[in-house]
C-alpha atoms as a PDB file:
ATOM      1  CA  MET A   1     -35.551 -23.592   7.153  1.00  0.00           C
ATOM      2  CA  GLY A   2     -33.575 -23.954  10.480  1.00  0.00           C
ATOM      3  CA  THR A   3     -34.226 -21.799  13.940  1.00  0.00           C
ATOM      4  CA  PHE A   4     -30.423 -21.316  14.270  1.00  0.00           C
ATOM      5  CA  VAL A   5     -27.358 -20.637  12.805  1.00  0.00           C
ATOM      6  CA  LEU A   6     -24.425 -22.812  14.053  1.00  0.00           C
ATOM      7  CA  ALA A   7     -20.910 -22.465  13.957  1.00  0.00           C
ATOM      8  CA  GLY A   8     -17.864 -24.492  15.131  1.00  0.00           C
ATOM      9  CA  THR A   9     -14.831 -23.263  16.584  1.00  0.00           C
ATOM     10  CA  ASP A  10     -11.557 -24.678  18.178  1.00  0.00           C
ATOM     11  CA  GLY A  11     -10.037 -21.443  19.201  1.00  0.00           C
ATOM     12  CA  SER A  12      -7.702 -21.101  15.844  1.00  0.00           C
ATOM     13  CA  ALA A  13      -8.250 -17.459  14.062  1.00  0.00           C
ATOM     14  CA  GLU A  14      -9.866 -19.289  11.221  1.00  0.00           C
ATOM     15  CA  SER A  15     -12.522 -20.567  13.468  1.00  0.00           C
ATOM     16  CA  THR A  16     -12.996 -17.351  15.496  1.00  0.00           C
ATOM     17  CA  ALA A  17     -13.542 -15.430  12.113  1.00  0.00           C
ATOM     18  CA  ALA A  18     -16.153 -18.325  11.081  1.00  0.00           C
ATOM     19  CA  ALA A  19     -17.864 -17.266  14.390  1.00  0.00           C
ATOM     20  CA  HIS A  20     -18.032 -13.608  13.739  1.00  0.00           C
ATOM     21  CA  TRP A  21     -19.176 -14.546  10.428  1.00  0.00           C
ATOM     22  CA  ALA A  22     -22.127 -16.781  11.834  1.00  0.00           C
ATOM     23  CA  ALA A  23     -23.070 -14.197  14.149  1.00  0.00           C
ATOM     24  CA  ASP A  24     -23.443 -11.326  11.498  1.00  0.00           C
ATOM     25  CA  GLU A  25     -25.296 -13.804   9.302  1.00  0.00           C
ATOM     26  CA  ALA A  26     -27.784 -14.872  12.369  1.00  0.00           C
ATOM     27  CA  LEU A  27     -28.417 -11.152  13.155  1.00  0.00           C
ATOM     28  CA  ARG A  28     -28.867 -10.797   9.602  1.00  0.00           C
ATOM     29  CA  ARG A  29     -31.387 -13.477   9.551  1.00  0.00           C
ATOM     30  CA  GLY A  30     -32.880 -12.630  12.629  1.00  0.00           C
ATOM     31  CA  LEU A  31     -31.763 -16.113  14.142  1.00  0.00           C
ATOM     32  CA  ALA A  32     -29.857 -16.986  17.373  1.00  0.00           C
ATOM     33  CA  LEU A  33     -26.362 -18.345  16.899  1.00  0.00           C
ATOM     34  CA  ARG A  34     -25.221 -21.899  18.282  1.00  0.00           C
ATOM     35  CA  LEU A  35     -21.457 -21.975  18.955  1.00  0.00           C
ATOM     36  CA  VAL A  36     -20.088 -25.244  19.302  1.00  0.00           C
ATOM     37  CA  HIS A  37     -16.533 -27.216  19.904  1.00  0.00           C
ATOM     38  CA  ALA A  38     -16.754 -30.661  18.395  1.00  0.00           C
ATOM     39  CA  TRP A  39     -13.807 -32.854  20.679  1.00  0.00           C
ATOM     40  CA  THR A  40     -10.964 -34.046  19.059  1.00  0.00           C
ATOM     41  CA  TRP A  41      -7.846 -35.957  20.056  1.00  0.00           C
ATOM     42  CA  GLU A  42      -5.924 -32.938  19.939  1.00  0.00           C
ATOM     43  CA  ASP A  43      -7.889 -31.654  23.010  1.00  0.00           C
ATOM     44  CA  ASP A  44      -6.208 -34.117  25.178  1.00  0.00           C
ATOM     45  CA  LEU A  45      -2.560 -33.040  23.926  1.00  0.00           C
ATOM     46  CA  HIS A  46      -3.035 -29.700  26.028  1.00  0.00           C
ATOM     47  CA  ALA A  47      -4.624 -31.461  29.066  1.00  0.00           C
ATOM     48  CA  ASP A  48      -2.926 -32.647  32.369  1.00  0.00           C
ATOM     49  CA  PRO A  49      -2.748 -36.569  32.133  1.00  0.00           C
ATOM     50  CA  SER A  50      -3.289 -36.397  35.837  1.00  0.00           C
ATOM     51  CA  GLN A  51      -6.181 -34.765  35.658  1.00  0.00           C
ATOM     52  CA  PRO A  52      -8.598 -36.026  33.000  1.00  0.00           C
ATOM     53  CA  ALA A  53     -11.124 -33.232  34.094  1.00  0.00           C
ATOM     54  CA  SER A  54      -8.990 -30.522  32.956  1.00  0.00           C
ATOM     55  CA  VAL A  55      -9.589 -31.504  29.105  1.00  0.00           C
ATOM     56  CA  ARG A  56     -13.283 -30.305  29.291  1.00  0.00           C
ATOM     57  CA  THR A  57     -12.239 -27.353  31.454  1.00  0.00           C
ATOM     58  CA  LEU A  58     -10.042 -26.084  28.760  1.00  0.00           C
ATOM     59  CA  ALA A  59     -12.351 -26.499  26.042  1.00  0.00           C
ATOM     60  CA  GLU A  60     -14.970 -24.993  27.977  1.00  0.00           C
ATOM     61  CA  ARG A  61     -13.108 -21.775  28.622  1.00  0.00           C
ATOM     62  CA  MET A  62     -11.769 -21.664  25.026  1.00  0.00           C
ATOM     63  CA  LEU A  63     -15.543 -21.734  24.022  1.00  0.00           C
ATOM     64  CA  ALA A  64     -16.391 -19.329  26.737  1.00  0.00           C
ATOM     65  CA  ASP A  65     -13.737 -16.969  25.734  1.00  0.00           C
ATOM     66  CA  THR A  66     -14.666 -17.056  22.135  1.00  0.00           C
ATOM     67  CA  ALA A  67     -18.349 -16.512  22.858  1.00  0.00           C
ATOM     68  CA  GLN A  68     -17.550 -13.556  24.921  1.00  0.00           C
ATOM     69  CA  GLN A  69     -15.689 -11.912  21.931  1.00  0.00           C
ATOM     70  CA  VAL A  70     -18.796 -12.719  19.918  1.00  0.00           C
ATOM     71  CA  ARG A  71     -21.026 -11.247  22.120  1.00  0.00           C
ATOM     72  CA  GLU A  72     -18.949  -8.197  22.432  1.00  0.00           C
ATOM     73  CA  ALA A  73     -18.838  -7.585  18.738  1.00  0.00           C
ATOM     74  CA  HIS A  74     -22.328  -8.484  18.234  1.00  0.00           C
ATOM     75  CA  PRO A  75     -25.030  -6.738  20.560  1.00  0.00           C
ATOM     76  CA  GLY A  76     -28.388  -8.012  20.693  1.00  0.00           C
ATOM     77  CA  LEU A  77     -27.230 -11.520  19.596  1.00  0.00           C
ATOM     78  CA  GLU A  78     -29.036 -14.452  21.032  1.00  0.00           C
ATOM     79  CA  LEU A  79     -25.821 -16.843  21.609  1.00  0.00           C
ATOM     80  CA  HIS A  80     -25.902 -20.570  23.013  1.00  0.00           C
ATOM     81  CA  THR A  81     -22.668 -22.599  23.132  1.00  0.00           C
ATOM     82  CA  GLY A  82     -22.193 -26.330  23.543  1.00  0.00           C
ATOM     83  CA  LEU A  83     -19.360 -29.207  23.565  1.00  0.00           C
ATOM     84  CA  LEU A  84     -19.868 -31.912  21.213  1.00  0.00           C
ATOM     85  CA  THR A  85     -18.318 -35.203  22.461  1.00  0.00           C
ATOM     86  CA  GLY A  86     -18.748 -37.636  19.857  1.00  0.00           C
ATOM     87  CA  GLY A  87     -15.247 -37.560  19.114  1.00  0.00           C
ATOM     88  CA  GLU A  88     -15.169 -37.437  15.458  1.00  0.00           C
ATOM     89  CA  PRO A  89     -15.852 -33.925  14.941  1.00  0.00           C
ATOM     90  CA  ALA A  90     -17.208 -33.873  11.255  1.00  0.00           C
ATOM     91  CA  ALA A  91     -19.744 -36.153  11.932  1.00  0.00           C
ATOM     92  CA  ASP A  92     -20.537 -34.405  15.368  1.00  0.00           C
ATOM     93  CA  LEU A  93     -20.597 -30.916  13.427  1.00  0.00           C
ATOM     94  CA  ALA A  94     -23.031 -32.420  10.588  1.00  0.00           C
ATOM     95  CA  ALA A  95     -25.441 -34.210  13.513  1.00  0.00           C
ATOM     96  CA  ALA A  96     -25.350 -30.954  15.034  1.00  0.00           C
ATOM     97  CA  ALA A  97     -26.140 -29.225  11.906  1.00  0.00           C
ATOM     98  CA  ALA A  98     -29.346 -30.941  11.091  1.00  0.00           C
ATOM     99  CA  ASP A  99     -31.713 -28.379  12.360  1.00  0.00           C
ATOM    100  CA  ALA A 100     -29.556 -25.506  11.536  1.00  0.00           C
ATOM    101  CA  GLU A 101     -29.906 -22.655   8.860  1.00  0.00           C
ATOM    102  CA  LEU A 102     -26.273 -23.577   7.824  1.00  0.00           C
ATOM    103  CA  LEU A 103     -23.008 -24.171   9.599  1.00  0.00           C
ATOM    104  CA  ALA A 104     -20.007 -22.153   9.736  1.00  0.00           C
ATOM    105  CA  VAL A 105     -16.535 -23.373  10.189  1.00  0.00           C
ATOM    106  CA  GLY A 106     -13.243 -22.032   9.589  1.00  0.00           C
ATOM    107  CA  SER A 107     -10.667 -22.442   6.420  1.00  0.00           C
ATOM    108  CA  LEU A 108      -7.232 -22.437   6.227  1.00  0.00           C
ATOM    109  CA  GLY A 109      -7.405 -22.349   2.426  1.00  0.00           C
ATOM    110  CA  LEU A 110      -5.001 -20.353   0.668  1.00  0.00           C
ATOM    111  CA  GLY A 111      -4.702 -18.536  -3.185  1.00  0.00           C
ATOM    112  CA  ARG A 112      -4.243 -20.215  -6.261  1.00  0.00           C
ATOM    113  CA  PHE A 113      -0.378 -19.793  -6.188  1.00  0.00           C
ATOM    114  CA  GLU A 114      -0.132 -20.170  -2.345  1.00  0.00           C
ATOM    115  CA  GLY A 115      -1.089 -23.806  -1.765  1.00  0.00           C
ATOM    116  CA  LEU A 116      -3.781 -26.274  -0.595  1.00  0.00           C
ATOM    117  CA  LEU A 117      -4.801 -25.838   2.986  1.00  0.00           C
ATOM    118  CA  VAL A 118      -8.308 -26.129   3.456  1.00  0.00           C
ATOM    119  CA  GLY A 119      -8.910 -27.607   6.923  1.00  0.00           C
ATOM    120  CA  SER A 120      -9.706 -31.507   6.444  1.00  0.00           C
ATOM    121  CA  ILE A 121     -12.576 -31.409   9.233  1.00  0.00           C
ATOM    122  CA  GLY A 122     -14.404 -28.299   7.214  1.00  0.00           C
ATOM    123  CA  LEU A 123     -13.810 -30.300   3.546  1.00  0.00           C
ATOM    124  CA  ASP A 124     -15.026 -33.496   5.424  1.00  0.00           C
ATOM    125  CA  VAL A 125     -18.285 -31.747   7.314  1.00  0.00           C
ATOM    126  CA  ALA A 126     -19.136 -29.822   3.931  1.00  0.00           C
ATOM    127  CA  ALA A 127     -19.198 -32.986   1.939  1.00  0.00           C
ATOM    128  CA  ARG A 128     -21.389 -34.625   4.440  1.00  0.00           C
ATOM    129  CA  CYS A 129     -23.923 -31.745   5.942  1.00  0.00           C
ATOM    130  CA  GLU A 130     -27.408 -31.858   4.714  1.00  0.00           C
ATOM    131  CA  VAL A 131     -27.457 -27.966   5.352  1.00  0.00           C
ATOM    132  CA  PRO A 132     -25.096 -25.173   3.398  1.00  0.00           C
ATOM    133  CA  VAL A 133     -21.770 -25.233   4.959  1.00  0.00           C
ATOM    134  CA  VAL A 134     -19.730 -22.034   4.933  1.00  0.00           C
ATOM    135  CA  LEU A 135     -16.311 -22.006   5.338  1.00  0.00           C
ATOM    136  CA  VAL A 136     -14.427 -18.862   6.279  1.00  0.00           C
ATOM    137  CA  ARG A 137     -10.806 -17.320   6.258  1.00  0.00           C
ATOM    138  CA  ALA A 138      -9.090 -15.489   9.235  1.00  0.00           C
ATOM    139  CA  ALA A 139      -8.729 -12.304   7.067  1.00  0.00           C
ATOM    140  CA  GLN A 140     -12.319 -10.806   6.983  1.00  0.00           C
ATOM    141  CA  SER A 141     -13.388  -7.547   5.494  1.00  0.00           C
ATOM    142  CA  GLN A 142     -13.277  -4.188   7.498  1.00  0.00           C
ATOM    143  CA  PRO A 143     -16.166  -2.502   9.242  1.00  0.00           C
ATOM    144  CA  GLY A 144     -17.304   0.459   7.220  1.00  0.00           C
ATOM    145  CA  GLU A 145     -16.238  -1.194   3.758  1.00  0.00           C
ATOM    146  CA  ALA A 146     -18.913  -1.307   0.899  1.00  0.00           C
ATOM    147  CA  PRO A 147     -20.632  -4.802   0.579  1.00  0.00           C
ATOM    148  CA  GLY A 148     -18.976  -6.934  -1.901  1.00  0.00           C
ATOM    149  CA  GLU A 149     -20.847  -9.111  -4.406  1.00  0.00           C
ATOM    150  CA  VAL A 150     -22.264 -12.400  -3.845  1.00  0.00           C
ATOM    151  CA  VAL A 151     -20.988 -14.559  -6.637  1.00  0.00           C
ATOM    152  CA  VAL A 152     -22.921 -17.736  -7.314  1.00  0.00           C
ATOM    153  CA  GLY A 153     -21.487 -20.386  -9.784  1.00  0.00           C
ATOM    154  CA  ILE A 154     -24.043 -21.263 -12.325  1.00  0.00           C
ATOM    155  CA  ASP A 155     -24.292 -24.653 -14.663  1.00  0.00           C
ATOM    156  CA  THR A 156     -26.667 -23.794 -17.393  1.00  0.00           C
ATOM    157  CA  ARG A 157     -27.123 -27.056 -18.475  1.00  0.00           C
ATOM    158  CA  ALA A 158     -28.260 -28.453 -14.732  1.00  0.00           C
ATOM    159  CA  PRO A 159     -29.077 -25.644 -12.233  1.00  0.00           C
ATOM    160  CA  ALA A 160     -29.692 -26.360  -8.951  1.00  0.00           C
ATOM    161  CA  ASP A 161     -32.755 -24.362  -7.619  1.00  0.00           C
ATOM    162  CA  ALA A 162     -31.171 -24.661  -3.985  1.00  0.00           C
ATOM    163  CA  VAL A 163     -27.907 -22.909  -4.896  1.00  0.00           C
ATOM    164  CA  VAL A 164     -29.525 -20.346  -6.856  1.00  0.00           C
ATOM    165  CA  ASP A 165     -31.890 -19.765  -4.348  1.00  0.00           C
ATOM    166  CA  PHE A 166     -29.841 -19.740  -1.530  1.00  0.00           C
ATOM    167  CA  ALA A 167     -27.314 -17.040  -3.498  1.00  0.00           C
ATOM    168  CA  PHE A 168     -30.235 -14.601  -4.127  1.00  0.00           C
ATOM    169  CA  ARG A 169     -31.424 -14.513  -0.756  1.00  0.00           C
ATOM    170  CA  ALA A 170     -27.918 -13.885   0.491  1.00  0.00           C
ATOM    171  CA  ALA A 171     -27.687 -11.055  -1.821  1.00  0.00           C
ATOM    172  CA  GLU A 172     -30.969  -9.863  -0.901  1.00  0.00           C
ATOM    173  CA  ALA A 173     -30.350  -9.520   2.798  1.00  0.00           C
ATOM    174  CA  ARG A 174     -26.989  -7.874   2.310  1.00  0.00           C
ATOM    175  CA  GLY A 175     -28.479  -5.492  -0.417  1.00  0.00           C
ATOM    176  CA  ALA A 176     -25.396  -6.827  -2.657  1.00  0.00           C
ATOM    177  CA  VAL A 177     -24.937  -7.438  -5.828  1.00  0.00           C
ATOM    178  CA  LEU A 178     -25.288 -11.058  -7.451  1.00  0.00           C
ATOM    179  CA  ARG A 179     -22.906 -12.009  -9.927  1.00  0.00           C
ATOM    180  CA  ALA A 180     -23.933 -15.249 -11.610  1.00  0.00           C
ATOM    181  CA  VAL A 181     -20.724 -16.805 -13.086  1.00  0.00           C
ATOM    182  CA  HIS A 182     -21.218 -19.439 -15.918  1.00  0.00           C
ATOM    183  CA  GLY A 183     -17.724 -20.610 -17.379  1.00  0.00           C
ATOM    184  CA  TRP A 184     -17.630 -22.763 -20.546  1.00  0.00           C
ATOM    185  CA  THR A 185     -15.057 -24.246 -22.860  1.00  0.00           C
ATOM    186  CA  PRO A 186     -15.526 -23.898 -26.880  1.00  0.00           C
ATOM    187  CA  PRO A 187     -14.915 -27.005 -28.816  1.00  0.00           C
ATOM    188  CA  PRO A 188     -11.261 -27.119 -30.230  1.00  0.00           C
ATOM    189  CA  VAL A 189     -10.088 -26.952 -33.865  1.00  0.00           C
ATOM    190  CA  TRP A 190      -6.633 -28.900 -34.112  1.00  0.00           C
ATOM    191  CA  GLY A 191      -4.016 -26.811 -36.075  1.00  0.00           C
ATOM    192  CA  TYR A 192      -0.374 -26.700 -36.499  1.00  0.00           C
ATOM    193  CA  ALA A 193      -0.075 -24.967 -33.121  1.00  0.00           C
ATOM    194  CA  GLY A 194      -2.341 -27.520 -31.452  1.00  0.00           C
ATOM    195  CA  TRP A 195      -6.116 -26.695 -30.625  1.00  0.00           C
ATOM    196  CA  VAL A 196      -7.694 -23.507 -31.023  1.00  0.00           C
ATOM    197  CA  ALA A 197     -11.264 -22.448 -31.132  1.00  0.00           C
ATOM    198  CA  PRO A 198     -12.337 -20.828 -34.315  1.00  0.00           C
ATOM    199  CA  GLU A 199     -12.833 -17.089 -33.833  1.00  0.00           C
ATOM    200  CA  THR A 200     -16.072 -17.016 -35.840  1.00  0.00           C
ATOM    201  CA  GLU A 201     -17.619 -19.968 -34.129  1.00  0.00           C
ATOM    202  CA  ALA A 202     -16.724 -18.985 -30.482  1.00  0.00           C
ATOM    203  CA  GLU A 203     -18.377 -15.958 -31.131  1.00  0.00           C
ATOM    204  CA  GLN A 204     -21.735 -17.916 -32.090  1.00  0.00           C
ATOM    205  CA  PHE A 205     -20.862 -20.088 -28.617  1.00  0.00           C
ATOM    206  CA  ARG A 206     -20.524 -16.896 -26.453  1.00  0.00           C
ATOM    207  CA  VAL A 207     -23.965 -15.840 -27.508  1.00  0.00           C
ATOM    208  CA  LEU A 208     -25.706 -18.961 -26.817  1.00  0.00           C
ATOM    209  CA  GLU A 209     -23.699 -19.485 -23.514  1.00  0.00           C
ATOM    210  CA  ALA A 210     -24.805 -16.013 -22.486  1.00  0.00           C
ATOM    211  CA  GLU A 211     -28.407 -16.934 -23.986  1.00  0.00           C
ATOM    212  CA  LEU A 212     -28.526 -19.608 -21.867  1.00  0.00           C
ATOM    213  CA  LEU A 213     -27.497 -17.938 -18.429  1.00  0.00           C
ATOM    214  CA  THR A 214     -29.991 -15.296 -19.212  1.00  0.00           C
ATOM    215  CA  GLN A 215     -32.829 -18.050 -19.686  1.00  0.00           C
ATOM    216  CA  GLY A 216     -31.574 -19.895 -16.589  1.00  0.00           C
ATOM    217  CA  LEU A 217     -32.052 -16.521 -14.012  1.00  0.00           C
ATOM    218  CA  GLY A 218     -35.280 -15.246 -15.501  1.00  0.00           C
ATOM    219  CA  ALA A 219     -37.606 -16.826 -12.853  1.00  0.00           C
ATOM    220  CA  TRP A 220     -35.097 -16.229 -10.213  1.00  0.00           C
ATOM    221  CA  ARG A 221     -35.195 -12.361 -11.445  1.00  0.00           C
ATOM    222  CA  ALA A 222     -38.914 -12.354 -11.273  1.00  0.00           C
ATOM    223  CA  LYS A 223     -38.584 -13.901  -8.037  1.00  0.00           C
ATOM    224  CA  TYR A 224     -36.162 -11.543  -6.230  1.00  0.00           C
ATOM    225  CA  PRO A 225     -36.816  -7.796  -8.357  1.00  0.00           C
ATOM    226  CA  GLN A 226     -35.086  -6.057  -6.028  1.00  0.00           C
ATOM    227  CA  VAL A 227     -31.591  -7.805  -6.570  1.00  0.00           C
ATOM    228  CA  THR A 228     -29.367  -6.623  -9.041  1.00  0.00           C
ATOM    229  CA  VAL A 229     -27.679  -9.310 -11.153  1.00  0.00           C
ATOM    230  CA  VAL A 230     -24.727  -9.175 -13.302  1.00  0.00           C
ATOM    231  CA  GLU A 231     -24.509 -12.330 -15.840  1.00  0.00           C
ATOM    232  CA  ASP A 232     -20.696 -13.139 -16.078  1.00  0.00           C
ATOM    233  CA  SER A 233     -20.374 -15.774 -18.772  1.00  0.00           C
ATOM    234  CA  ARG A 234     -16.769 -16.585 -19.611  1.00  0.00           C
ATOM    235  CA  ILE A 235     -14.553 -18.878 -21.221  1.00  0.00           C
ATOM    236  CA  GLY A 236     -12.703 -21.146 -19.032  1.00  0.00           C
ATOM    237  CA  SER A 237     -13.653 -23.816 -16.350  1.00  0.00           C
ATOM    238  CA  GLY A 238     -16.681 -23.470 -13.979  1.00  0.00           C
ATOM    239  CA  ALA A 239     -14.466 -23.501 -11.135  1.00  0.00           C
ATOM    240  CA  GLY A 240     -11.641 -21.114 -12.655  1.00  0.00           C
ATOM    241  CA  ALA A 241     -14.199 -18.719 -13.680  1.00  0.00           C
ATOM    242  CA  VAL A 242     -15.622 -18.740  -9.948  1.00  0.00           C
ATOM    243  CA  VAL A 243     -12.329 -18.319  -8.339  1.00  0.00           C
ATOM    244  CA  ASP A 244     -11.552 -15.439 -10.489  1.00  0.00           C
ATOM    245  CA  ALA A 245     -14.876 -13.975  -9.697  1.00  0.00           C
ATOM    246  CA  SER A 246     -14.384 -14.031  -6.248  1.00  0.00           C
ATOM    247  CA  ALA A 247     -11.837 -11.322  -5.144  1.00  0.00           C
ATOM    248  CA  GLY A 248     -13.340  -8.865  -3.411  1.00  0.00           C
ATOM    249  CA  ALA A 249     -16.643 -10.803  -2.969  1.00  0.00           C
ATOM    250  CA  ALA A 250     -18.905 -10.760   0.485  1.00  0.00           C
ATOM    251  CA  LEU A 251     -19.884 -14.416  -0.071  1.00  0.00           C
ATOM    252  CA  VAL A 252     -18.987 -17.266  -3.163  1.00  0.00           C
ATOM    253  CA  VAL A 253     -21.938 -19.972  -3.275  1.00  0.00           C
ATOM    254  CA  VAL A 254     -21.132 -23.128  -5.351  1.00  0.00           C
ATOM    255  CA  GLY A 255     -23.343 -26.539  -5.080  1.00  0.00           C
ATOM    256  CA  ARG A 256     -22.480 -29.965  -4.378  1.00  0.00           C
ATOM    257  CA  ARG A 257     -24.222 -33.277  -4.857  1.00  0.00           C
ATOM    258  CA  ARG A 258     -25.564 -34.780  -1.181  1.00  0.00           C
ATOM    259  CA  HIS A 259     -22.765 -37.219  -0.028  1.00  0.00           C
ATOM    260  CA  ARG A 260     -20.006 -35.817  -1.934  1.00  0.00           C
ATOM    261  CA  LEU A 261     -18.061 -32.773  -2.690  1.00  0.00           C
ATOM    262  CA  GLY A 262     -17.162 -32.494  -6.188  1.00  0.00           C
ATOM    263  CA  ARG A 263     -14.835 -31.383  -8.235  1.00  0.00           C
ATOM    264  CA  VAL A 264     -16.069 -27.321  -8.693  1.00  0.00           C
ATOM    265  CA  ALA A 265     -16.594 -27.347  -4.829  1.00  0.00           C
ATOM    266  CA  HIS A 266     -13.276 -28.963  -3.929  1.00  0.00           C
ATOM    267  CA  ALA A 267     -11.753 -26.607  -6.300  1.00  0.00           C
ATOM    268  CA  VAL A 268     -13.582 -23.065  -5.023  1.00  0.00           C
ATOM    269  CA  SER A 269     -13.156 -24.072  -1.471  1.00  0.00           C
ATOM    270  CA  HIS A 270      -8.930 -24.352  -2.013  1.00  0.00           C
ATOM    271  CA  HIS A 271      -8.620 -21.491  -3.940  1.00  0.00           C
ATOM    272  CA  ALA A 272     -11.744 -18.845  -3.617  1.00  0.00           C
ATOM    273  CA  LYS A 273     -10.536 -15.622  -2.027  1.00  0.00           C
ATOM    274  CA  SER A 274     -13.815 -14.886   0.011  1.00  0.00           C
ATOM    275  CA  PRO A 275     -16.181 -16.985   2.239  1.00  0.00           C
ATOM    276  CA  VAL A 276     -17.496 -20.051   0.465  1.00  0.00           C
ATOM    277  CA  ALA A 277     -20.993 -21.352   0.705  1.00  0.00           C
ATOM    278  CA  ILE A 278     -21.492 -24.971  -0.396  1.00  0.00           C
ATOM    279  CA  VAL A 279     -24.798 -25.709  -0.778  1.00  0.00           C
ATOM    280  CA  PRO A 280     -25.977 -29.202  -1.215  1.00  0.00           C
ATOM    281  CA  HIS A 281     -28.639 -29.994  -3.805  1.00  0.00           C
ATOM    282  CA  ASP A 282     -30.175 -33.245  -5.315  1.00  0.00           C
END
C-alpha cells in the first residue's frame, strides 16, 4: 500500500481537475497528496531564452498556484509539491508513483462520437505505471450531488483480483453502489440476413454468463458485505458495455496487463464519460 496519492499537473483544466480529484481521494484514504509537474520541452516555449532560470520559475509558479487552489478547496489536506526534471514525463511520473497509492493525471478523452483525444502522456504513463492510474476529465460533478456508481469491467473467464479489489474498495470508501459489468457476445448462426443469434440458445447463454458473473463476485461480496453490488451482464463487447454503463458514474475501473494498455483499457480510456482507473495486474 502506498503512503500518498500522486497527481501530475501542467496547469491545464484537465490536470487541475485531476489534482482536485486526487485531493478528494487522498482525504478519503487518509493519505497525503503529492502534486508534481513533469518537465517537458513545451516548458521551454514559454520562457525567455535569455533567462534560462525563468523556465523553472514559471513551472514553480504554476505548481504553487495549483497547489493553492487545491489547499483552499480541501482544508486539512497534507499537500507537498515537486518538479520532475528528467525530461521524459511518462517515465518520470511512473517512477515518482512507485511508492504511491495511485496516480491521477488529466485526460482530454471525449465521448464516443466526438473524437479520440486522450493526452498521450496519460496513456503512456497508464501503460507503464506499476500502480493504478486515474484519467480525469475537466468536467467534474457538482458539490452536493448524490454519489454515482463505481463501475468495474469484469472478465468472467479470467477475473483479475487487483482490479476487482480496487473497485470494491473505491465503492466502499464512497458509500457507492458497485456495478459489475460483463460484456459477452453469443456465437453467430448464419442465415439469409447474415449472422444472427438463435433466440433459444441466446437465452441459455444469458443465463450462463450471468451465473459466471455471480460466481466470480461471490468471494468479494463476502469480503465487502457493506457494498451493494449490481450485476450487469449484457450482450456486447467488454469495452462497449463498460462505456455504456459509465454515464453518471463516480469512477470506472478497468484492468490491464503489466507493461501494455490492452484493447479494453484503451477503448474505455478514450470513450468513458467518467474518471477511469486503469489497474495493472499479472
